[in-house]
Amino acid sequence: MKIMDLGEFVREGYLQDVNRLYFHPIGLSLQTTKRHKGLEVVDYLDNPTALNTVDLKHPKSRKVHDMMEHTWFARREAYMKALGWTVQVPLHG
């Protein structure tokens, strides 16, 4: 296991995709602070039209999407074999 630098996380498009897939649809946005020194969550819960969706026709957006999709399918079989699922299930208390 290694720790990914926050700047690399942003440059590789992971932040963009986690926002697109998870945070934006629920009215939140995860963003970096100055010079990628930390993260903050911006709350748009009271303004559902504030967040724009990612245009997959844009070359960088398409590249990130395709890379994430490739990674998902490449790991899917290993997750299924080892764990029996591909997405972590929520824990119920």
Protein backbone atom coordinates (compact mmCIF):
# COMPACT_ATOMS: atom_id res chain seq x y z
CA MET A 1 0.00 0.00 0.00
CA LYS A 2 1.15 3.51 -0.72
CA ILE A 3 -0.28 6.94 0.01
CA MET A 4 -1.22 9.03 -3.03
CA ASP A 5 -0.34 12.71 -2.87
CA LEU A 6 -3.43 14.95 -2.99
CA GLY A 7 -2.07 16.84 -6.00
CA GLU A 8 -1.72 13.58 -7.90
CA PHE A 9 -5.24 12.57 -6.84
CA VAL A 10 -6.52 15.77 -8.46
CA ARG A 11 -4.28 15.61 -11.56
CA GLU A 12 -5.26 12.01 -12.29
CA GLY A 13 -8.94 12.97 -12.19
CA TYR A 14 -10.04 11.00 -9.14
CA LEU A 15 -11.45 14.08 -7.41
CA GLN A 16 -13.39 15.02 -10.53
CA ASP A 17 -14.90 11.57 -10.79
CA VAL A 18 -15.77 11.16 -7.12
CA ASN A 19 -17.55 14.52 -7.30
CA ARG A 20 -19.35 13.56 -10.52
CA LEU A 21 -20.43 10.15 -9.28
CA TYR A 22 -21.14 10.79 -5.63
CA PHE A 23 -20.94 14.29 -4.18
CA HIS A 24 -22.56 16.45 -6.89
CA PRO A 25 -25.74 14.36 -7.14
CA ILE A 26 -26.34 14.80 -3.40
CA GLY A 27 -25.60 18.54 -3.39
CA LEU A 28 -22.03 18.55 -2.11
CA SER A 29 -18.66 19.25 -3.67
CA LEU A 30 -15.30 18.04 -2.45
CA GLN A 31 -12.54 20.47 -3.35
CA THR A 32 -8.93 21.17 -2.52
CA THR A 33 -7.70 24.08 -0.50
CA LYS A 34 -4.82 26.24 -1.73
CA ARG A 35 -2.04 24.31 -3.44
CA HIS A 36 -3.68 20.95 -2.69
CA LYS A 37 -2.77 21.13 1.00
CA GLY A 38 -6.12 19.81 2.18
CA LEU A 39 -9.74 19.09 1.31
CA GLU A 40 -12.97 20.86 2.14
CA VAL A 41 -16.60 20.05 1.51
CA VAL A 42 -18.78 22.74 -0.03
CA ASP A 43 -22.46 22.46 0.87
CA TYR A 44 -24.94 23.21 -1.94
CA LEU A 45 -27.80 21.32 -0.28
CA ASP A 46 -30.04 24.41 -0.30
CA ASN A 47 -29.32 25.16 -3.99
CA PRO A 48 -29.87 22.03 -6.11
CA THR A 49 -29.04 23.78 -9.40
CA ALA A 50 -25.67 25.16 -8.26
CA LEU A 51 -23.58 22.21 -9.40
CA ASN A 52 -22.91 21.60 -13.07
CA THR A 53 -22.51 18.12 -14.41
CA VAL A 54 -19.34 17.00 -16.12
CA ASP A 55 -19.53 17.10 -19.91
CA LEU A 56 -18.16 13.78 -21.13
CA LYS A 57 -17.62 15.33 -24.57
CA HIS A 58 -14.74 17.34 -23.07
CA PRO A 59 -11.48 15.44 -23.78
CA LYS A 60 -10.14 15.49 -20.19
CA SER A 61 -13.51 14.49 -18.74
CA ARG A 62 -13.79 11.63 -21.24
CA LYS A 63 -10.21 10.51 -20.51
CA VAL A 64 -10.87 10.42 -16.75
CA HIS A 65 -14.19 8.61 -17.23
CA ASP A 66 -12.64 6.00 -19.52
CA MET A 67 -9.70 5.46 -17.14
CA MET A 68 -12.04 5.02 -14.15
CA GLU A 69 -14.24 2.61 -16.10
CA HIS A 70 -11.20 0.59 -17.19
CA THR A 71 -9.94 0.44 -13.58
CA TRP A 72 -13.38 -0.64 -12.35
CA PHE A 73 -13.63 -3.54 -14.77
CA ALA A 74 -9.99 -4.56 -14.28
CA ARG A 75 -10.53 -4.88 -10.51
CA ARG A 76 -14.07 -6.24 -10.59
CA GLU A 77 -13.18 -9.90 -10.99
CA ALA A 78 -10.59 -9.81 -8.20
CA TYR A 79 -13.06 -8.13 -5.83
CA MET A 80 -15.78 -10.64 -6.62
CA LYS A 81 -13.44 -13.58 -6.11
CA ALA A 82 -11.97 -12.28 -2.86
CA LEU A 83 -14.95 -10.53 -1.27
CA GLY A 84 -18.10 -11.53 -3.10
CA TRP A 85 -18.96 -7.93 -4.04
CA THR A 86 -17.48 -5.02 -5.96
CA VAL A 87 -18.74 -2.07 -3.92
CA GLN A 88 -18.42 -1.93 -0.16
CA VAL A 89 -21.76 -2.50 1.46
CA PRO A 90 -22.90 -0.12 4.19
CA LEU A 91 -22.59 -1.36 7.74
CA HIS A 92 -25.83 -1.49 9.68
CA GLY A 93 -25.66 -0.95 13.45
